[in-house]
Amino acid sequence: MMGGALSAMPDLSGSLVISVAAGTTIATFEAAFPGAPVIRVMPNTPAAIGQGISAMIGNGAATPAHLDLAEALMRAVGRVVRLEHEGQMDAVTGLSGSGPAYVFHLIEAMAAAGAAQGLSPALSLELARMTVAGAGALAVHADEDPAVLRRNVTSPNGTTAAGLAVLMDDDAGLTPLMVRTVAAATERGRELGRG
């Protein structure tokens, strides 16, 4: 779709081009707008409520002033990080660009698990939503690393420890699942960039 859209654009060679298109490389924009400063940005959907995070990288024509302008624009919808090289953008897309969907699915899974233990679906969903929202806010605002926060909740031989024994299994737990999930999304971003 981007090829058709870019070919229909007027000459923007003298303008700063800021893209939020996943999988569309800086080189694609440089070909469409020779000599133009280009900044590629990947925000995520929490930007809709000012809680997003955007990663950005510019081409050789993008000056520090251009990057500062793009960062100021994106700060209106959340935090901004700058990448070291464009090759990192696919991993950003796989992690934080696609990540809200992973968290929404986590909420769905937690709600289903609560309902399986006898809670009403509505109550289970409310508990899951607020647990994820509260834990996320605590992770953002606390001075401790998430591993410390996790340990703070976990009493030896308690209920949390029993649940974490399943979730933290080296072979079948959440970490290997998330590694495969983000890798699949990252690879899809690379495929889109190759056209």
N, C-alpha and C. Protein backbone atom coordinates (compact mmCIF):
# COMPACT_ATOMS: atom_id res chain seq x y z
N MET A 1 0.82 -1.20 0.00
CA MET A 1 0.00 0.00 0.00
C MET A 1 0.87 1.27 0.00
N MET A 2 2.01 1.21 0.70
CA MET A 2 2.84 2.40 0.83
C MET A 2 3.43 2.84 -0.51
N GLY A 3 3.78 1.89 -1.38
CA GLY A 3 4.34 2.25 -2.68
C GLY A 3 3.39 3.12 -3.47
N GLY A 4 2.13 2.75 -3.51
CA GLY A 4 1.12 3.54 -4.22
C GLY A 4 0.90 4.90 -3.59
N ALA A 5 0.89 4.92 -2.26
CA ALA A 5 0.68 6.19 -1.56
C ALA A 5 1.84 7.14 -1.80
N LEU A 6 3.08 6.63 -1.75
CA LEU A 6 4.24 7.50 -1.94
C LEU A 6 4.32 8.04 -3.36
N SER A 7 3.96 7.22 -4.33
CA SER A 7 4.04 7.68 -5.72
C SER A 7 3.01 8.76 -6.01
N ALA A 8 1.96 8.85 -5.21
CA ALA A 8 0.92 9.87 -5.41
C ALA A 8 1.22 11.16 -4.66
N MET A 9 2.29 11.17 -3.86
CA MET A 9 2.62 12.36 -3.06
C MET A 9 3.30 13.42 -3.92
N PRO A 10 3.10 14.69 -3.56
CA PRO A 10 3.85 15.74 -4.25
C PRO A 10 5.33 15.70 -3.82
N ASP A 11 6.15 16.47 -4.48
CA ASP A 11 7.57 16.52 -4.15
C ASP A 11 7.74 17.15 -2.77
N LEU A 12 8.27 16.35 -1.82
CA LEU A 12 8.50 16.84 -0.47
C LEU A 12 9.99 16.89 -0.14
N SER A 13 10.82 16.95 -1.16
CA SER A 13 12.26 16.86 -0.96
C SER A 13 12.81 17.92 -0.01
N GLY A 14 12.19 19.07 0.08
CA GLY A 14 12.65 20.12 0.98
C GLY A 14 12.01 20.07 2.35
N SER A 15 11.17 19.08 2.59
CA SER A 15 10.41 19.01 3.84
C SER A 15 10.94 17.89 4.73
N LEU A 16 10.71 18.04 6.02
CA LEU A 16 10.99 16.96 6.96
C LEU A 16 9.88 15.92 6.82
N VAL A 17 10.26 14.68 6.60
CA VAL A 17 9.30 13.58 6.46
C VAL A 17 9.39 12.74 7.73
N ILE A 18 8.25 12.60 8.42
CA ILE A 18 8.17 11.76 9.62
C ILE A 18 7.20 10.64 9.31
N SER A 19 7.67 9.40 9.45
CA SER A 19 6.86 8.23 9.13
C SER A 19 6.55 7.43 10.38
N VAL A 20 5.31 6.96 10.49
CA VAL A 20 4.92 6.01 11.53
C VAL A 20 4.48 4.69 10.91
N ALA A 21 4.90 4.45 9.67
CA ALA A 21 4.49 3.25 8.94
C ALA A 21 5.40 2.07 9.30
N ALA A 22 4.83 1.06 9.91
CA ALA A 22 5.60 -0.14 10.27
C ALA A 22 6.10 -0.83 9.02
N GLY A 23 7.38 -1.24 9.07
CA GLY A 23 7.94 -2.03 7.98
C GLY A 23 8.34 -1.23 6.76
N THR A 24 8.17 0.09 6.77
CA THR A 24 8.59 0.91 5.64
C THR A 24 9.89 1.60 6.00
N THR A 25 10.94 1.25 5.30
CA THR A 25 12.29 1.70 5.68
C THR A 25 12.54 3.15 5.30
N ILE A 26 13.56 3.71 5.93
CA ILE A 26 14.00 5.06 5.58
C ILE A 26 14.39 5.11 4.11
N ALA A 27 15.04 4.06 3.60
CA ALA A 27 15.45 4.03 2.19
C ALA A 27 14.26 4.19 1.25
N THR A 28 13.12 3.64 1.62
CA THR A 28 11.91 3.79 0.80
C THR A 28 11.51 5.25 0.70
N PHE A 29 11.58 5.96 1.81
CA PHE A 29 11.23 7.38 1.81
C PHE A 29 12.30 8.22 1.11
N GLU A 30 13.56 7.82 1.26
CA GLU A 30 14.64 8.55 0.57
C GLU A 30 14.49 8.41 -0.94
N ALA A 31 14.05 7.25 -1.41
CA ALA A 31 13.84 7.07 -2.85
C ALA A 31 12.68 7.93 -3.34
N ALA A 32 11.65 8.07 -2.50
CA ALA A 32 10.48 8.87 -2.90
C ALA A 32 10.74 10.37 -2.78
N PHE A 33 11.59 10.74 -1.81
CA PHE A 33 11.86 12.16 -1.54
C PHE A 33 13.37 12.39 -1.43
N PRO A 34 14.08 12.36 -2.57
CA PRO A 34 15.54 12.46 -2.54
C PRO A 34 16.02 13.71 -1.80
N GLY A 35 16.99 13.50 -0.92
CA GLY A 35 17.58 14.60 -0.18
C GLY A 35 16.81 15.07 1.04
N ALA A 36 15.60 14.57 1.22
CA ALA A 36 14.77 15.03 2.34
C ALA A 36 15.25 14.43 3.66
N PRO A 37 15.18 15.20 4.73
CA PRO A 37 15.40 14.60 6.05
C PRO A 37 14.21 13.69 6.37
N VAL A 38 14.51 12.47 6.79
CA VAL A 38 13.48 11.47 7.07
C VAL A 38 13.68 10.95 8.48
N ILE A 39 12.59 10.90 9.25
CA ILE A 39 12.62 10.32 10.59
C ILE A 39 11.55 9.25 10.65
N ARG A 40 11.99 8.08 11.02
CA ARG A 40 11.08 6.94 11.17
C ARG A 40 10.74 6.79 12.64
N VAL A 41 9.45 6.72 12.94
CA VAL A 41 8.98 6.65 14.32
C VAL A 41 8.04 5.46 14.46
N MET A 42 8.15 4.73 15.57
CA MET A 42 7.21 3.65 15.86
C MET A 42 6.56 3.94 17.22
N PRO A 43 5.34 4.50 17.20
CA PRO A 43 4.59 4.65 18.44
C PRO A 43 3.79 3.39 18.71
N ASN A 44 3.10 3.35 19.85
CA ASN A 44 2.17 2.24 20.09
C ASN A 44 0.81 2.79 20.49
N THR A 45 -0.19 1.92 20.54
CA THR A 45 -1.57 2.39 20.69
C THR A 45 -1.88 3.08 22.02
N PRO A 46 -1.16 2.85 23.12
CA PRO A 46 -1.43 3.66 24.31
C PRO A 46 -1.19 5.16 24.10
N ALA A 47 -0.60 5.52 22.97
CA ALA A 47 -0.47 6.94 22.62
C ALA A 47 -1.84 7.61 22.57
N ALA A 48 -2.89 6.83 22.29
CA ALA A 48 -4.24 7.39 22.21
C ALA A 48 -4.68 8.03 23.53
N ILE A 49 -4.06 7.60 24.65
CA ILE A 49 -4.39 8.19 25.94
C ILE A 49 -3.16 8.85 26.59
N GLY A 50 -2.18 9.19 25.77
CA GLY A 50 -0.99 9.87 26.27
C GLY A 50 -0.05 8.99 27.05
N GLN A 51 -0.18 7.66 26.92
CA GLN A 51 0.64 6.72 27.67
C GLN A 51 1.49 5.84 26.76
N GLY A 52 1.75 6.32 25.55
CA GLY A 52 2.51 5.53 24.59
C GLY A 52 4.00 5.65 24.80
N ILE A 53 4.71 4.88 24.00
CA ILE A 53 6.15 5.04 23.87
C ILE A 53 6.47 4.95 22.39
N SER A 54 7.31 5.87 21.94
CA SER A 54 7.69 5.92 20.54
C SER A 54 9.20 5.80 20.45
N ALA A 55 9.67 5.02 19.49
CA ALA A 55 11.09 4.92 19.19
C ALA A 55 11.32 5.62 17.86
N MET A 56 12.46 6.31 17.71
CA MET A 56 12.71 7.05 16.48
C MET A 56 14.16 6.98 16.05
N ILE A 57 14.34 7.13 14.73
CA ILE A 57 15.68 7.16 14.13
C ILE A 57 15.58 8.02 12.86
N GLY A 58 16.61 8.80 12.59
CA GLY A 58 16.61 9.66 11.42
C GLY A 58 17.66 9.24 10.41
N ASN A 59 17.51 9.74 9.18
CA ASN A 59 18.51 9.47 8.16
C ASN A 59 19.63 10.50 8.26
N GLY A 60 20.61 10.42 7.36
CA GLY A 60 21.75 11.33 7.41
C GLY A 60 21.40 12.78 7.19
N ALA A 61 20.28 13.06 6.54
CA ALA A 61 19.86 14.44 6.30
C ALA A 61 19.10 15.04 7.49
N ALA A 62 18.72 14.20 8.43
CA ALA A 62 17.98 14.68 9.61
C ALA A 62 18.96 15.30 10.60
N THR A 63 18.78 16.56 10.87
CA THR A 63 19.67 17.28 11.79
C THR A 63 19.22 17.06 13.23
N PRO A 64 20.06 17.43 14.19
CA PRO A 64 19.61 17.38 15.59
C PRO A 64 18.33 18.18 15.82
N ALA A 65 18.19 19.29 15.13
CA ALA A 65 16.97 20.10 15.26
C ALA A 65 15.75 19.33 14.74
N HIS A 66 15.91 18.62 13.63
CA HIS A 66 14.81 17.80 13.10
C HIS A 66 14.42 16.72 14.11
N LEU A 67 15.44 16.04 14.67
CA LEU A 67 15.17 14.98 15.65
C LEU A 67 14.49 15.55 16.89
N ASP A 68 14.93 16.72 17.34
CA ASP A 68 14.30 17.34 18.51
C ASP A 68 12.85 17.70 18.23
N LEU A 69 12.57 18.19 17.01
CA LEU A 69 11.20 18.52 16.64
C LEU A 69 10.32 17.27 16.64
N ALA A 70 10.80 16.20 16.02
CA ALA A 70 10.03 14.96 15.99
C ALA A 70 9.80 14.43 17.40
N GLU A 71 10.84 14.50 18.24
CA GLU A 71 10.68 14.04 19.62
C GLU A 71 9.66 14.88 20.36
N ALA A 72 9.68 16.20 20.18
CA ALA A 72 8.70 17.08 20.84
C ALA A 72 7.28 16.73 20.39
N LEU A 73 7.10 16.45 19.11
CA LEU A 73 5.78 16.05 18.61
C LEU A 73 5.31 14.75 19.27
N MET A 74 6.20 13.78 19.33
CA MET A 74 5.82 12.47 19.85
C MET A 74 5.66 12.48 21.37
N ARG A 75 6.32 13.40 22.07
CA ARG A 75 6.14 13.50 23.52
C ARG A 75 4.71 13.87 23.90
N ALA A 76 3.98 14.45 22.95
CA ALA A 76 2.58 14.79 23.21
C ALA A 76 1.75 13.55 23.48
N VAL A 77 2.23 12.38 23.07
CA VAL A 77 1.46 11.15 23.26
C VAL A 77 2.19 10.13 24.12
N GLY A 78 3.28 10.53 24.78
CA GLY A 78 3.98 9.60 25.68
C GLY A 78 5.48 9.81 25.66
N ARG A 79 6.19 8.79 26.07
CA ARG A 79 7.65 8.84 26.13
C ARG A 79 8.26 8.58 24.76
N VAL A 80 9.52 9.00 24.61
CA VAL A 80 10.21 8.83 23.34
C VAL A 80 11.62 8.30 23.62
N VAL A 81 12.05 7.35 22.84
CA VAL A 81 13.43 6.86 22.89
C VAL A 81 14.03 7.00 21.49
N ARG A 82 15.35 7.21 21.45
CA ARG A 82 16.05 7.31 20.17
C ARG A 82 16.88 6.04 19.97
N LEU A 83 16.82 5.52 18.78
CA LEU A 83 17.54 4.30 18.44
C LEU A 83 18.95 4.63 17.94
N GLU A 84 19.82 3.65 18.02
CA GLU A 84 21.19 3.81 17.54
C GLU A 84 21.28 3.57 16.03
N HIS A 85 20.45 2.67 15.50
CA HIS A 85 20.46 2.39 14.07
C HIS A 85 19.09 1.84 13.67
N GLU A 86 18.77 1.98 12.40
CA GLU A 86 17.44 1.60 11.91
C GLU A 86 17.16 0.11 12.06
N GLY A 87 18.20 -0.72 12.08
CA GLY A 87 18.00 -2.16 12.24
C GLY A 87 17.27 -2.52 13.53
N GLN A 88 17.30 -1.63 14.50
CA GLN A 88 16.59 -1.89 15.77
C GLN A 88 15.09 -1.70 15.64
N MET A 89 14.63 -1.03 14.59
CA MET A 89 13.21 -0.68 14.48
C MET A 89 12.30 -1.90 14.40
N ASP A 90 12.73 -2.96 13.74
CA ASP A 90 11.88 -4.15 13.65
C ASP A 90 11.68 -4.78 15.02
N ALA A 91 12.73 -4.78 15.86
CA ALA A 91 12.60 -5.31 17.21
C ALA A 91 11.69 -4.41 18.06
N VAL A 92 11.79 -3.09 17.86
CA VAL A 92 10.90 -2.17 18.57
C VAL A 92 9.46 -2.46 18.17
N THR A 93 9.24 -2.64 16.88
CA THR A 93 7.89 -2.95 16.40
C THR A 93 7.38 -4.25 17.01
N GLY A 94 8.24 -5.26 17.05
CA GLY A 94 7.85 -6.56 17.61
C GLY A 94 7.60 -6.51 19.11
N LEU A 95 8.30 -5.62 19.81
CA LEU A 95 8.16 -5.54 21.27
C LEU A 95 7.10 -4.52 21.68
N SER A 96 7.33 -3.25 21.43
CA SER A 96 6.41 -2.23 21.94
C SER A 96 5.32 -1.84 20.96
N GLY A 97 5.60 -1.93 19.65
CA GLY A 97 4.55 -1.62 18.69
C GLY A 97 3.42 -2.63 18.73
N SER A 98 3.78 -3.91 18.74
CA SER A 98 2.79 -4.99 18.83
C SER A 98 2.45 -5.34 20.27
N GLY A 99 3.29 -4.92 21.21
CA GLY A 99 3.16 -5.30 22.62
C GLY A 99 1.81 -5.05 23.27
N PRO A 100 1.12 -3.93 22.97
CA PRO A 100 -0.19 -3.76 23.60
C PRO A 100 -1.14 -4.93 23.32
N ALA A 101 -1.08 -5.49 22.13
CA ALA A 101 -1.94 -6.65 21.83
C ALA A 101 -1.57 -7.83 22.72
N TYR A 102 -0.27 -7.99 23.01
CA TYR A 102 0.15 -9.09 23.89
C TYR A 102 -0.44 -8.88 25.29
N VAL A 103 -0.39 -7.65 25.76
CA VAL A 103 -0.92 -7.34 27.10
C VAL A 103 -2.43 -7.52 27.13
N PHE A 104 -3.12 -7.09 26.07
CA PHE A 104 -4.57 -7.29 26.02
C PHE A 104 -4.91 -8.78 26.05
N HIS A 105 -4.10 -9.57 25.36
CA HIS A 105 -4.34 -11.02 25.39
C HIS A 105 -4.03 -11.59 26.78
N LEU A 106 -3.01 -11.05 27.45
CA LEU A 106 -2.72 -11.47 28.82
C LEU A 106 -3.95 -11.21 29.71
N ILE A 107 -4.57 -10.06 29.54
CA ILE A 107 -5.78 -9.74 30.32
C ILE A 107 -6.88 -10.76 30.00
N GLU A 108 -7.07 -11.06 28.72
CA GLU A 108 -8.06 -12.07 28.34
C GLU A 108 -7.76 -13.41 29.00
N ALA A 109 -6.48 -13.81 28.95
CA ALA A 109 -6.09 -15.11 29.51
C ALA A 109 -6.26 -15.13 31.03
N MET A 110 -5.88 -14.05 31.71
CA MET A 110 -6.06 -13.99 33.16
C MET A 110 -7.55 -14.03 33.53
N ALA A 111 -8.37 -13.31 32.76
CA ALA A 111 -9.81 -13.31 33.03
C ALA A 111 -10.40 -14.72 32.84
N ALA A 112 -9.98 -15.39 31.78
CA ALA A 112 -10.45 -16.76 31.54
C ALA A 112 -10.00 -17.68 32.67
N ALA A 113 -8.76 -17.49 33.14
CA ALA A 113 -8.25 -18.34 34.23
C ALA A 113 -9.02 -18.09 35.52
N GLY A 114 -9.36 -16.84 35.81
CA GLY A 114 -10.16 -16.54 37.00
C GLY A 114 -11.54 -17.14 36.91
N ALA A 115 -12.14 -17.06 35.71
CA ALA A 115 -13.47 -17.65 35.52
C ALA A 115 -13.40 -19.16 35.67
N ALA A 116 -12.30 -19.77 35.23
CA ALA A 116 -12.13 -21.22 35.37
C ALA A 116 -12.03 -21.63 36.83
N GLN A 117 -11.66 -20.70 37.71
CA GLN A 117 -11.58 -20.98 39.15
C GLN A 117 -12.84 -20.57 39.88
N GLY A 118 -13.91 -20.21 39.16
CA GLY A 118 -15.20 -19.99 39.78
C GLY A 118 -15.65 -18.54 39.89
N LEU A 119 -14.85 -17.59 39.46
CA LEU A 119 -15.29 -16.19 39.48
C LEU A 119 -16.22 -15.94 38.29
N SER A 120 -17.11 -14.98 38.43
CA SER A 120 -17.95 -14.63 37.28
C SER A 120 -17.05 -14.01 36.21
N PRO A 121 -17.41 -14.18 34.94
CA PRO A 121 -16.59 -13.59 33.88
C PRO A 121 -16.40 -12.07 34.03
N ALA A 122 -17.45 -11.37 34.42
CA ALA A 122 -17.34 -9.91 34.57
C ALA A 122 -16.39 -9.54 35.70
N LEU A 123 -16.50 -10.21 36.84
CA LEU A 123 -15.62 -9.93 37.96
C LEU A 123 -14.18 -10.31 37.62
N SER A 124 -14.01 -11.44 36.98
CA SER A 124 -12.68 -11.90 36.61
C SER A 124 -12.01 -10.91 35.65
N LEU A 125 -12.78 -10.39 34.69
CA LEU A 125 -12.25 -9.41 33.74
C LEU A 125 -11.86 -8.12 34.45
N GLU A 126 -12.70 -7.66 35.37
CA GLU A 126 -12.37 -6.44 36.12
C GLU A 126 -11.10 -6.62 36.94
N LEU A 127 -10.98 -7.75 37.60
CA LEU A 127 -9.78 -8.03 38.39
C LEU A 127 -8.54 -8.10 37.50
N ALA A 128 -8.65 -8.76 36.36
CA ALA A 128 -7.50 -8.89 35.45
C ALA A 128 -7.09 -7.53 34.90
N ARG A 129 -8.07 -6.74 34.43
CA ARG A 129 -7.76 -5.41 33.89
C ARG A 129 -7.02 -4.55 34.91
N MET A 130 -7.57 -4.47 36.11
CA MET A 130 -6.99 -3.58 37.11
C MET A 130 -5.67 -4.12 37.65
N THR A 131 -5.52 -5.42 37.69
CA THR A 131 -4.24 -5.99 38.12
C THR A 131 -3.13 -5.63 37.14
N VAL A 132 -3.40 -5.76 35.84
CA VAL A 132 -2.41 -5.42 34.82
C VAL A 132 -2.16 -3.91 34.82
N ALA A 133 -3.21 -3.11 34.91
CA ALA A 133 -3.04 -1.65 34.90
C ALA A 133 -2.26 -1.20 36.13
N GLY A 134 -2.60 -1.70 37.29
CA GLY A 134 -1.91 -1.31 38.51
C GLY A 134 -0.47 -1.77 38.54
N ALA A 135 -0.23 -3.01 38.14
CA ALA A 135 1.13 -3.52 38.12
C ALA A 135 1.98 -2.77 37.10
N GLY A 136 1.40 -2.44 35.96
CA GLY A 136 2.12 -1.67 34.95
C GLY A 136 2.48 -0.29 35.46
N ALA A 137 1.53 0.37 36.12
CA ALA A 137 1.81 1.70 36.67
C ALA A 137 2.89 1.62 37.74
N LEU A 138 2.83 0.60 38.59
CA LEU A 138 3.85 0.43 39.62
C LEU A 138 5.22 0.18 38.99
N ALA A 139 5.26 -0.63 37.94
CA ALA A 139 6.53 -0.91 37.27
C ALA A 139 7.14 0.35 36.67
N VAL A 140 6.29 1.25 36.16
CA VAL A 140 6.77 2.49 35.56
C VAL A 140 7.25 3.48 36.63
N HIS A 141 6.52 3.55 37.74
CA HIS A 141 6.79 4.60 38.73
C HIS A 141 7.70 4.17 39.88
N ALA A 142 7.88 2.89 40.09
CA ALA A 142 8.73 2.43 41.19
C ALA A 142 10.20 2.58 40.83
N ASP A 143 11.02 2.73 41.83
CA ASP A 143 12.47 2.82 41.60
C ASP A 143 13.10 1.45 41.41
N GLU A 144 12.40 0.40 41.84
CA GLU A 144 12.97 -0.95 41.76
C GLU A 144 12.80 -1.56 40.38
N ASP A 145 13.70 -2.49 40.07
CA ASP A 145 13.63 -3.29 38.86
C ASP A 145 12.39 -4.19 38.96
N PRO A 146 11.77 -4.55 37.82
CA PRO A 146 10.61 -5.45 37.87
C PRO A 146 10.88 -6.76 38.60
N ALA A 147 12.09 -7.28 38.52
CA ALA A 147 12.42 -8.52 39.23
C ALA A 147 12.30 -8.32 40.74
N VAL A 148 12.69 -7.15 41.24
CA VAL A 148 12.57 -6.84 42.67
C VAL A 148 11.09 -6.72 43.04
N LEU A 149 10.32 -6.04 42.20
CA LEU A 149 8.88 -5.92 42.47
C LEU A 149 8.23 -7.30 42.52
N ARG A 150 8.62 -8.17 41.59
CA ARG A 150 8.08 -9.54 41.58
C ARG A 150 8.44 -10.26 42.87
N ARG A 151 9.68 -10.17 43.28
CA ARG A 151 10.09 -10.84 44.52
C ARG A 151 9.37 -10.26 45.74
N ASN A 152 9.07 -8.96 45.71
CA ASN A 152 8.37 -8.34 46.83
C ASN A 152 6.96 -8.91 47.02
N VAL A 153 6.35 -9.37 45.94
CA VAL A 153 5.00 -9.94 46.01
C VAL A 153 5.03 -11.41 46.41
N THR A 154 6.18 -12.05 46.28
CA THR A 154 6.28 -13.50 46.39
C THR A 154 6.75 -13.94 47.77
N SER A 155 5.83 -14.51 48.53
CA SER A 155 6.18 -15.12 49.83
C SER A 155 6.71 -16.52 49.58
N PRO A 156 7.75 -16.92 50.32
CA PRO A 156 8.26 -18.29 50.14
C PRO A 156 7.15 -19.32 50.35
N ASN A 157 7.05 -20.25 49.42
CA ASN A 157 6.06 -21.33 49.48
C ASN A 157 4.61 -20.85 49.51
N GLY A 158 4.38 -19.61 49.07
CA GLY A 158 3.02 -19.06 49.07
C GLY A 158 2.32 -19.26 47.74
N THR A 159 1.17 -18.59 47.60
CA THR A 159 0.36 -18.73 46.39
C THR A 159 1.07 -18.16 45.16
N THR A 160 1.71 -17.02 45.32
CA THR A 160 2.41 -16.41 44.18
C THR A 160 3.55 -17.30 43.73
N ALA A 161 4.28 -17.86 44.68
CA ALA A 161 5.39 -18.76 44.33
C ALA A 161 4.87 -19.97 43.54
N ALA A 162 3.72 -20.48 43.93
CA ALA A 162 3.15 -21.63 43.21
C ALA A 162 2.80 -21.25 41.77
N GLY A 163 2.21 -20.07 41.59
CA GLY A 163 1.88 -19.62 40.24
C GLY A 163 3.12 -19.33 39.41
N LEU A 164 4.12 -18.68 40.04
CA LEU A 164 5.34 -18.35 39.32
C LEU A 164 6.14 -19.58 38.92
N ALA A 165 6.01 -20.66 39.67
CA ALA A 165 6.72 -21.89 39.30
C ALA A 165 6.27 -22.37 37.92
N VAL A 166 5.02 -22.14 37.59
CA VAL A 166 4.50 -22.48 36.26
C VAL A 166 4.93 -21.42 35.24
N LEU A 167 4.70 -20.17 35.59
CA LEU A 167 4.95 -19.06 34.66
C LEU A 167 6.43 -18.88 34.33
N MET A 168 7.31 -19.24 35.26
CA MET A 168 8.74 -19.04 35.06
C MET A 168 9.48 -20.31 34.66
N ASP A 169 8.74 -21.34 34.25
CA ASP A 169 9.38 -22.57 33.79
C ASP A 169 10.30 -22.25 32.60
N ASP A 170 11.53 -22.76 32.67
CA ASP A 170 12.53 -22.43 31.65
C ASP A 170 12.14 -22.88 30.24
N ASP A 171 11.37 -23.94 30.14
CA ASP A 171 11.01 -24.47 28.82
C ASP A 171 9.61 -24.07 28.36
N ALA A 172 8.65 -24.07 29.28
CA ALA A 172 7.26 -23.86 28.89
C ALA A 172 6.65 -22.60 29.49
N GLY A 173 7.45 -21.78 30.14
CA GLY A 173 6.95 -20.60 30.82
C GLY A 173 6.79 -19.39 29.91
N LEU A 174 6.56 -18.26 30.54
CA LEU A 174 6.27 -17.03 29.81
C LEU A 174 7.49 -16.50 29.05
N THR A 175 8.68 -16.58 29.63
CA THR A 175 9.85 -16.01 28.96
C THR A 175 10.13 -16.65 27.61
N PRO A 176 10.22 -17.98 27.52
CA PRO A 176 10.45 -18.55 26.17
C PRO A 176 9.30 -18.26 25.21
N LEU A 177 8.08 -18.19 25.71
CA LEU A 177 6.94 -17.85 24.87
C LEU A 177 7.06 -16.42 24.33
N MET A 178 7.44 -15.47 25.20
CA MET A 178 7.58 -14.09 24.77
C MET A 178 8.75 -13.92 23.81
N VAL A 179 9.83 -14.66 24.03
CA VAL A 179 10.96 -14.60 23.10
C VAL A 179 10.51 -15.02 21.70
N ARG A 180 9.73 -16.11 21.62
CA ARG A 180 9.23 -16.57 20.32
C ARG A 180 8.23 -15.57 19.73
N THR A 181 7.39 -14.99 20.57
CA THR A 181 6.37 -14.04 20.13
C THR A 181 7.01 -12.80 19.52
N VAL A 182 7.93 -12.19 20.25
CA VAL A 182 8.58 -10.97 19.76
C VAL A 182 9.44 -11.28 18.54
N ALA A 183 10.08 -12.44 18.51
CA ALA A 183 10.87 -12.83 17.34
C ALA A 183 9.99 -12.96 16.10
N ALA A 184 8.80 -13.54 16.24
CA ALA A 184 7.89 -13.69 15.10
C ALA A 184 7.44 -12.33 14.57
N ALA A 185 7.11 -11.42 15.48
CA ALA A 185 6.67 -10.08 15.07
C ALA A 185 7.83 -9.30 14.46
N THR A 186 9.03 -9.43 15.03
CA THR A 186 10.21 -8.76 14.49
C THR A 186 10.51 -9.24 13.08
N GLU A 187 10.46 -10.54 12.88
CA GLU A 187 10.73 -11.10 11.56
C GLU A 187 9.69 -10.63 10.54
N ARG A 188 8.44 -10.52 10.96
CA ARG A 188 7.40 -10.03 10.05
C ARG A 188 7.69 -8.58 9.65
N GLY A 189 8.18 -7.78 10.60
CA GLY A 189 8.58 -6.41 10.29
C GLY A 189 9.70 -6.37 9.25
N ARG A 190 10.67 -7.27 9.40
CA ARG A 190 11.77 -7.36 8.42
C ARG A 190 11.22 -7.73 7.03
N GLU A 191 10.28 -8.69 7.01
CA GLU A 191 9.69 -9.10 5.74
C GLU A 191 8.97 -7.92 5.07
N LEU A 192 8.23 -7.14 5.85
CA LEU A 192 7.52 -6.01 5.30
C LEU A 192 8.51 -4.98 4.73
N GLY A 193 9.65 -4.81 5.42
CA GLY A 193 10.67 -3.87 4.95
C GLY A 193 11.33 -4.29 3.66
N ARG A 194 11.38 -5.61 3.44
CA ARG A 194 11.98 -6.11 2.20
C ARG A 194 11.01 -6.00 1.03
N GLY A 195 9.75 -5.69 1.37
CA GLY A 195 8.76 -5.44 0.34
C GLY A 195 8.15 -6.63 -0.24
